Amino acid sequence: MVDIERLTPDGWKPSATQAADIHAAVSYAKELCMEEPSTYRVLRNKDLICLVRQQGIIWINASSEVMGETQIEETVSV
């Protein structure tokens, strides 16, 4: 399972769950970010994959296979 959580003042709150497609989950997190600006995180089996913000995606625990050649976006410095 791939989970999407939104950062709130009270901590991370569940926003959505996708079957197993990380790319679909990241795309959906980007849509959520456009609708309600916040930081979202994508997790697979409780492991953090990336953070999605309006400024871009920060890949955390993602292999090049997960990111894919066409899926790589510019990362943001923290």
PDB file of N, CA and C in Angstrom:
ATOM      1  N   MET A   1       0.822  -1.186   0.000  1.00  0.00           N
ATOM      2  CA  MET A   1       0.000   0.000   0.000  1.00  0.00           C
ATOM      3  C   MET A   1       0.869   1.253   0.000  1.00  0.00           C
ATOM      4  N   VAL A   2       0.410   2.247  -0.656  1.00  0.00           N
ATOM      5  CA  VAL A   2       1.079   3.540  -0.688  1.00  0.00           C
ATOM      6  C   VAL A   2       0.148   4.551  -0.033  1.00  0.00           C
ATOM      7  N   ASP A   3       0.636   5.199   1.016  1.00  0.00           N
ATOM      8  CA  ASP A   3      -0.173   6.166   1.749  1.00  0.00           C
ATOM      9  C   ASP A   3       0.317   7.578   1.486  1.00  0.00           C
ATOM     10  N   ILE A   4      -0.625   8.516   1.494  1.00  0.00           N
ATOM     11  CA  ILE A   4      -0.306   9.941   1.366  1.00  0.00           C
ATOM     12  C   ILE A   4      -0.803  10.612   2.634  1.00  0.00           C
ATOM     13  N   GLU A   5       0.082  11.378   3.269  1.00  0.00           N
ATOM     14  CA  GLU A   5      -0.277  12.092   4.486  1.00  0.00           C
ATOM     15  C   GLU A   5       0.047  13.564   4.319  1.00  0.00           C
ATOM     16  N   ARG A   6      -0.787  14.413   4.950  1.00  0.00           N
ATOM     17  CA  ARG A   6      -0.605  15.861   4.882  1.00  0.00           C
ATOM     18  C   ARG A   6      -0.099  16.358   6.223  1.00  0.00           C
ATOM     19  N   LEU A   7       0.858  17.287   6.178  1.00  0.00           N
ATOM     20  CA  LEU A   7       1.383  17.888   7.396  1.00  0.00           C
ATOM     21  C   LEU A   7       0.417  18.964   7.871  1.00  0.00           C
ATOM     22  N   THR A   8      -0.035  18.835   9.107  1.00  0.00           N
ATOM     23  CA  THR A   8      -0.935  19.810   9.714  1.00  0.00           C
ATOM     24  C   THR A   8      -0.257  20.357  10.969  1.00  0.00           C
ATOM     25  N   PRO A   9      -0.817  21.383  11.575  1.00  0.00           N
ATOM     26  CA  PRO A   9      -0.245  21.884  12.829  1.00  0.00           C
ATOM     27  C   PRO A   9      -0.220  20.815  13.933  1.00  0.00           C
ATOM     28  N   ASP A  10      -1.075  19.808  13.805  1.00  0.00           N
ATOM     29  CA  ASP A  10      -1.140  18.725  14.795  1.00  0.00           C
ATOM     30  C   ASP A  10      -0.329  17.501  14.388  1.00  0.00           C
ATOM     31  N   GLY A  11       0.455  17.608  13.315  1.00  0.00           N
ATOM     32  CA  GLY A  11       1.256  16.479  12.844  1.00  0.00           C
ATOM     33  C   GLY A  11       0.736  15.925  11.526  1.00  0.00           C
ATOM     34  N   TRP A  12       1.227  14.749  11.141  1.00  0.00           N
ATOM     35  CA  TRP A  12       0.852  14.124   9.873  1.00  0.00           C
ATOM     36  C   TRP A  12      -0.524  13.488   9.982  1.00  0.00           C
ATOM     37  N   LYS A  13      -1.393  13.780   9.001  1.00  0.00           N
ATOM     38  CA  LYS A  13      -2.750  13.229   8.967  1.00  0.00           C
ATOM     39  C   LYS A  13      -2.957  12.511   7.638  1.00  0.00           C
ATOM     40  N   PRO A  14      -3.584  11.327   7.664  1.00  0.00           N
ATOM     41  CA  PRO A  14      -3.844  10.582   6.423  1.00  0.00           C
ATOM     42  C   PRO A  14      -4.680  11.396   5.453  1.00  0.00           C
ATOM     43  N   SER A  15      -4.316  11.356   4.166  1.00  0.00           N
ATOM     44  CA  SER A  15      -5.072  12.036   3.124  1.00  0.00           C
ATOM     45  C   SER A  15      -5.646  11.051   2.123  1.00  0.00           C
ATOM     46  N   ALA A  16      -4.873  10.005   1.785  1.00  0.00           N
ATOM     47  CA  ALA A  16      -5.328   9.048   0.777  1.00  0.00           C
ATOM     48  C   ALA A  16      -4.484   7.790   0.845  1.00  0.00           C
ATOM     49  N   THR A  17      -5.006   6.736   0.229  1.00  0.00           N
ATOM     50  CA  THR A  17      -4.277   5.481   0.096  1.00  0.00           C
ATOM     51  C   THR A  17      -4.417   5.016  -1.343  1.00  0.00           C
ATOM     52  N   GLN A  18      -3.304   4.629  -1.953  1.00  0.00           N
ATOM     53  CA  GLN A  18      -3.293   4.099  -3.314  1.00  0.00           C
ATOM     54  C   GLN A  18      -2.951   2.620  -3.230  1.00  0.00           C
ATOM     55  N   ALA A  19      -3.320   1.858  -4.232  1.00  0.00           N
ATOM     56  CA  ALA A  19      -3.061   0.416  -4.224  1.00  0.00           C
ATOM     57  C   ALA A  19      -1.574   0.129  -4.051  1.00  0.00           C
ATOM     58  N   ALA A  20      -0.775   0.299  -5.082  1.00  0.00           N
ATOM     59  CA  ALA A  20       0.656   0.023  -4.964  1.00  0.00           C
ATOM     60  C   ALA A  20       1.478   0.846  -5.934  1.00  0.00           C
ATOM     61  N   ASP A  21       0.858   1.756  -6.634  1.00  0.00           N
ATOM     62  CA  ASP A  21       1.535   2.526  -7.674  1.00  0.00           C
ATOM     63  C   ASP A  21       2.097   3.825  -7.098  1.00  0.00           C
ATOM     64  N   ILE A  22       3.399   3.854  -6.905  1.00  0.00           N
ATOM     65  CA  ILE A  22       4.043   5.037  -6.332  1.00  0.00           C
ATOM     66  C   ILE A  22       3.883   6.247  -7.246  1.00  0.00           C
ATOM     67  N   HIS A  23       4.036   6.039  -8.549  1.00  0.00           N
ATOM     68  CA  HIS A  23       3.941   7.169  -9.478  1.00  0.00           C
ATOM     69  C   HIS A  23       2.556   7.814  -9.420  1.00  0.00           C
ATOM     70  N   ALA A  24       1.512   6.990  -9.351  1.00  0.00           N
ATOM     71  CA  ALA A  24       0.155   7.523  -9.239  1.00  0.00           C
ATOM     72  C   ALA A  24      -0.016   8.264  -7.911  1.00  0.00           C
ATOM     73  N   ALA A  25       0.567   7.717  -6.851  1.00  0.00           N
ATOM     74  CA  ALA A  25       0.460   8.349  -5.539  1.00  0.00           C
ATOM     75  C   ALA A  25       1.168   9.704  -5.521  1.00  0.00           C
ATOM     76  N   VAL A  26       2.347   9.779  -6.120  1.00  0.00           N
ATOM     77  CA  VAL A  26       3.082  11.046  -6.175  1.00  0.00           C
ATOM     78  C   VAL A  26       2.305  12.070  -7.010  1.00  0.00           C
ATOM     79  N   SER A  27       1.759  11.638  -8.123  1.00  0.00           N
ATOM     80  CA  SER A  27       0.951  12.545  -8.951  1.00  0.00           C
ATOM     81  C   SER A  27      -0.259  13.047  -8.180  1.00  0.00           C
ATOM     82  N   TYR A  28      -0.906  12.152  -7.454  1.00  0.00           N
ATOM     83  CA  TYR A  28      -2.069  12.548  -6.666  1.00  0.00           C
ATOM     84  C   TYR A  28      -1.665  13.507  -5.548  1.00  0.00           C
ATOM     85  N   ALA A  29      -0.530  13.263  -4.905  1.00  0.00           N
ATOM     86  CA  ALA A  29      -0.045  14.162  -3.863  1.00  0.00           C
ATOM     87  C   ALA A  29       0.229  15.548  -4.446  1.00  0.00           C
ATOM     88  N   LYS A  30       0.747  15.606  -5.679  1.00  0.00           N
ATOM     89  CA  LYS A  30       0.979  16.899  -6.333  1.00  0.00           C
ATOM     90  C   LYS A  30      -0.345  17.613  -6.570  1.00  0.00           C
ATOM     91  N   GLU A  31      -1.391  16.870  -6.970  1.00  0.00           N
ATOM     92  CA  GLU A  31      -2.718  17.466  -7.157  1.00  0.00           C
ATOM     93  C   GLU A  31      -3.252  18.005  -5.834  1.00  0.00           C
ATOM     94  N   LEU A  32      -3.112  17.216  -4.770  1.00  0.00           N
ATOM     95  CA  LEU A  32      -3.558  17.669  -3.455  1.00  0.00           C
ATOM     96  C   LEU A  32      -2.830  18.932  -3.038  1.00  0.00           C
ATOM     97  N   CYS A  33      -1.548  18.992  -3.330  1.00  0.00           N
ATOM     98  CA  CYS A  33      -0.729  20.144  -2.973  1.00  0.00           C
ATOM     99  C   CYS A  33      -1.190  21.405  -3.705  1.00  0.00           C
ATOM    100  N   MET A  34      -1.649  21.240  -4.939  1.00  0.00           N
ATOM    101  CA  MET A  34      -2.166  22.388  -5.694  1.00  0.00           C
ATOM    102  C   MET A  34      -3.497  22.862  -5.116  1.00  0.00           C
ATOM    103  N   GLU A  35      -4.340  21.897  -4.688  1.00  0.00           N
ATOM    104  CA  GLU A  35      -5.647  22.239  -4.140  1.00  0.00           C
ATOM    105  C   GLU A  35      -5.533  22.868  -2.761  1.00  0.00           C
ATOM    106  N   GLU A  36      -4.717  22.277  -1.912  1.00  0.00           N
ATOM    107  CA  GLU A  36      -4.526  22.774  -0.560  1.00  0.00           C
ATOM    108  C   GLU A  36      -3.037  22.807  -0.250  1.00  0.00           C
ATOM    109  N   PRO A  37      -2.407  23.964  -0.453  1.00  0.00           N
ATOM    110  CA  PRO A  37      -0.957  24.063  -0.261  1.00  0.00           C
ATOM    111  C   PRO A  37      -0.543  23.591   1.131  1.00  0.00           C
ATOM    112  N   SER A  38       0.315  22.621   1.138  1.00  0.00           N
ATOM    113  CA  SER A  38       0.845  22.037   2.359  1.00  0.00           C
ATOM    114  C   SER A  38       1.988  21.124   1.945  1.00  0.00           C
ATOM    115  N   THR A  39       2.587  20.463   2.898  1.00  0.00           N
ATOM    116  CA  THR A  39       3.590  19.443   2.602  1.00  0.00           C
ATOM    117  C   THR A  39       2.908  18.087   2.745  1.00  0.00           C
ATOM    118  N   TYR A  40       3.119  17.246   1.757  1.00  0.00           N
ATOM    119  CA  TYR A  40       2.565  15.897   1.778  1.00  0.00           C
ATOM    120  C   TYR A  40       3.720  14.908   1.748  1.00  0.00           C
ATOM    121  N   ARG A  41       3.502  13.755   2.356  1.00  0.00           N
ATOM    122  CA  ARG A  41       4.519  12.722   2.261  1.00  0.00           C
ATOM    123  C   ARG A  41       3.890  11.451   1.713  1.00  0.00           C
ATOM    124  N   VAL A  42       4.694  10.733   0.932  1.00  0.00           N
ATOM    125  CA  VAL A  42       4.260   9.479   0.320  1.00  0.00           C
ATOM    126  C   VAL A  42       5.043   8.362   0.990  1.00  0.00           C
ATOM    127  N   LEU A  43       4.319   7.385   1.523  1.00  0.00           N
ATOM    128  CA  LEU A  43       4.929   6.268   2.235  1.00  0.00           C
ATOM    129  C   LEU A  43       4.493   4.952   1.599  1.00  0.00           C
ATOM    130  N   ARG A  44       5.422   4.020   1.532  1.00  0.00           N
ATOM    131  CA  ARG A  44       5.075   2.667   1.083  1.00  0.00           C
ATOM    132  C   ARG A  44       5.434   1.724   2.210  1.00  0.00           C
ATOM    133  N   ASN A  45       4.438   1.010   2.717  1.00  0.00           N
ATOM    134  CA  ASN A  45       4.649   0.103   3.848  1.00  0.00           C
ATOM    135  C   ASN A  45       5.340   0.819   5.004  1.00  0.00           C
ATOM    136  N   LYS A  46       4.884   2.034   5.303  1.00  0.00           N
ATOM    137  CA  LYS A  46       5.406   2.862   6.411  1.00  0.00           C
ATOM    138  C   LYS A  46       6.792   3.459   6.154  1.00  0.00           C
ATOM    139  N   ASP A  47       7.410   3.155   4.988  1.00  0.00           N
ATOM    140  CA  ASP A  47       8.717   3.738   4.653  1.00  0.00           C
ATOM    141  C   ASP A  47       8.508   5.013   3.837  1.00  0.00           C
ATOM    142  N   LEU A  48       9.150   6.099   4.257  1.00  0.00           N
ATOM    143  CA  LEU A  48       9.028   7.374   3.564  1.00  0.00           C
ATOM    144  C   LEU A  48       9.700   7.293   2.195  1.00  0.00           C
ATOM    145  N   ILE A  49       8.963   7.655   1.159  1.00  0.00           N
ATOM    146  CA  ILE A  49       9.488   7.651  -0.210  1.00  0.00           C
ATOM    147  C   ILE A  49       9.870   9.068  -0.627  1.00  0.00           C
ATOM    148  N   CYS A  50       8.964  10.026  -0.412  1.00  0.00           N
ATOM    149  CA  CYS A  50       9.266  11.404  -0.802  1.00  0.00           C
ATOM    150  C   CYS A  50       8.360  12.382  -0.079  1.00  0.00           C
ATOM    151  N   LEU A  51       8.760  13.646  -0.119  1.00  0.00           N
ATOM    152  CA  LEU A  51       7.943  14.758   0.347  1.00  0.00           C
ATOM    153  C   LEU A  51       7.525  15.549  -0.879  1.00  0.00           C
ATOM    154  N   VAL A  52       6.270  15.951  -0.914  1.00  0.00           N
ATOM    155  CA  VAL A  52       5.764  16.730  -2.045  1.00  0.00           C
ATOM    156  C   VAL A  52       5.358  18.096  -1.517  1.00  0.00           C
ATOM    157  N   ARG A  53       5.970  19.121  -2.105  1.00  0.00           N
ATOM    158  CA  ARG A  53       5.675  20.504  -1.740  1.00  0.00           C
ATOM    159  C   ARG A  53       5.412  21.290  -3.008  1.00  0.00           C
ATOM    160  N   GLN A  54       4.908  22.503  -2.871  1.00  0.00           N
ATOM    161  CA  GLN A  54       4.671  23.334  -4.052  1.00  0.00           C
ATOM    162  C   GLN A  54       5.974  23.606  -4.794  1.00  0.00           C
ATOM    163  N   GLN A  55       7.088  23.656  -4.076  1.00  0.00           N
ATOM    164  CA  GLN A  55       8.375  23.945  -4.696  1.00  0.00           C
ATOM    165  C   GLN A  55       8.944  22.744  -5.438  1.00  0.00           C
ATOM    166  N   GLY A  56       8.414  21.565  -5.196  1.00  0.00           N
ATOM    167  CA  GLY A  56       8.911  20.382  -5.876  1.00  0.00           C
ATOM    168  C   GLY A  56       8.867  19.155  -4.990  1.00  0.00           C
ATOM    169  N   ILE A  57       9.494  18.100  -5.462  1.00  0.00           N
ATOM    170  CA  ILE A  57       9.515  16.821  -4.763  1.00  0.00           C
ATOM    171  C   ILE A  57      10.903  16.592  -4.186  1.00  0.00           C
ATOM    172  N   ILE A  58      10.932  16.140  -2.944  1.00  0.00           N
ATOM    173  CA  ILE A  58      12.191  15.756  -2.311  1.00  0.00           C
ATOM    174  C   ILE A  58      12.145  14.247  -2.159  1.00  0.00           C
ATOM    175  N   TRP A  59      12.959  13.552  -2.942  1.00  0.00           N
ATOM    176  CA  TRP A  59      13.007  12.094  -2.864  1.00  0.00           C
ATOM    177  C   TRP A  59      13.856  11.705  -1.668  1.00  0.00           C
ATOM    178  N   ILE A  60      13.362  10.801  -0.857  1.00  0.00           N
ATOM    179  CA  ILE A  60      14.066  10.399   0.354  1.00  0.00           C
ATOM    180  C   ILE A  60      14.621   8.984   0.204  1.00  0.00           C
ATOM    181  N   ASN A  61      13.761   7.997   0.164  1.00  0.00           N
ATOM    182  CA  ASN A  61      14.166   6.600   0.062  1.00  0.00           C
ATOM    183  C   ASN A  61      13.654   6.019  -1.243  1.00  0.00           C
ATOM    184  N   ALA A  62      14.082   6.568  -2.338  1.00  0.00           N
ATOM    185  CA  ALA A  62      13.591   6.110  -3.630  1.00  0.00           C
ATOM    186  C   ALA A  62      14.769   5.737  -4.516  1.00  0.00           C
ATOM    187  N   SER A  63      14.695   4.566  -5.076  1.00  0.00           N
ATOM    188  CA  SER A  63      15.735   4.133  -6.011  1.00  0.00           C
ATOM    189  C   SER A  63      15.471   4.786  -7.357  1.00  0.00           C
ATOM    190  N   SER A  64      16.430   4.713  -8.259  1.00  0.00           N
ATOM    191  CA  SER A  64      16.219   5.265  -9.596  1.00  0.00           C
ATOM    192  C   SER A  64      15.085   4.525 -10.298  1.00  0.00           C
ATOM    193  N   GLU A  65      14.869   3.269  -9.928  1.00  0.00           N
ATOM    194  CA  GLU A  65      13.758   2.517 -10.507  1.00  0.00           C
ATOM    195  C   GLU A  65      12.416   3.143 -10.106  1.00  0.00           C
ATOM    196  N   VAL A  66      12.317   3.581  -8.863  1.00  0.00           N
ATOM    197  CA  VAL A  66      11.092   4.214  -8.384  1.00  0.00           C
ATOM    198  C   VAL A  66      10.916   5.573  -9.033  1.00  0.00           C
ATOM    199  N   MET A  67      11.989   6.369  -9.062  1.00  0.00           N
ATOM    200  CA  MET A  67      11.882   7.710  -9.631  1.00  0.00           C
ATOM    201  C   MET A  67      11.721   7.645 -11.137  1.00  0.00           C
ATOM    202  N   GLY A  68      12.414   6.738 -11.796  1.00  0.00           N
ATOM    203  CA  GLY A  68      12.315   6.617 -13.248  1.00  0.00           C
ATOM    204  C   GLY A  68      12.971   7.785 -13.952  1.00  0.00           C
ATOM    205  N   GLU A  69      13.426   7.551 -15.145  1.00  0.00           N
ATOM    206  CA  GLU A  69      14.085   8.610 -15.913  1.00  0.00           C
ATOM    207  C   GLU A  69      13.159   9.805 -16.144  1.00  0.00           C
ATOM    208  N   THR A  70      11.889   9.534 -16.482  1.00  0.00           N
ATOM    209  CA  THR A  70      10.976  10.632 -16.794  1.00  0.00           C
ATOM    210  C   THR A  70      10.293  11.172 -15.548  1.00  0.00           C
ATOM    211  N   GLN A  71      10.442  10.483 -14.415  1.00  0.00           N
ATOM    212  CA  GLN A  71       9.769  10.912 -13.198  1.00  0.00           C
ATOM    213  C   GLN A  71      10.624  11.831 -12.331  1.00  0.00           C
ATOM    214  N   ILE A  72      11.912  11.956 -12.649  1.00  0.00           N
ATOM    215  CA  ILE A  72      12.798  12.750 -11.804  1.00  0.00           C
ATOM    216  C   ILE A  72      12.438  14.239 -11.925  1.00  0.00           C
ATOM    217  N   GLU A  73      12.258  14.873 -10.800  1.00  0.00           N
ATOM    218  CA  GLU A  73      11.996  16.293 -10.774  1.00  0.00           C
ATOM    219  C   GLU A  73      13.104  16.958  -9.987  1.00  0.00           C
ATOM    220  N   GLU A  74      13.206  18.236 -10.149  1.00  0.00           N
ATOM    221  CA  GLU A  74      14.246  18.961  -9.424  1.00  0.00           C
ATOM    222  C   GLU A  74      13.968  18.896  -7.936  1.00  0.00           C
ATOM    223  N   THR A  75      14.960  18.541  -7.158  1.00  0.00           N
ATOM    224  CA  THR A  75      14.770  18.467  -5.721  1.00  0.00           C
ATOM    225  C   THR A  75      15.001  19.836  -5.095  1.00  0.00           C
ATOM    226  N   VAL A  76      14.454  20.011  -3.943  1.00  0.00           N
ATOM    227  CA  VAL A  76      14.538  21.283  -3.239  1.00  0.00           C
ATOM    228  C   VAL A  76      15.466  21.118  -2.051  1.00  0.00           C
ATOM    229  N   SER A  77      16.354  22.068  -1.850  1.00  0.00           N
ATOM    230  CA  SER A  77      17.241  22.021  -0.688  1.00  0.00           C
ATOM    231  C   SER A  77      16.439  22.376   0.553  1.00  0.00           C
ATOM    232  N   VAL A  78      16.766  21.745   1.647  1.00  0.00           N
ATOM    233  CA  VAL A  78      16.053  22.029   2.878  1.00  0.00           C
ATOM    234  C   VAL A  78      16.887  22.882   3.791  1.00  0.00           C
TER     235      VAL A  78
END
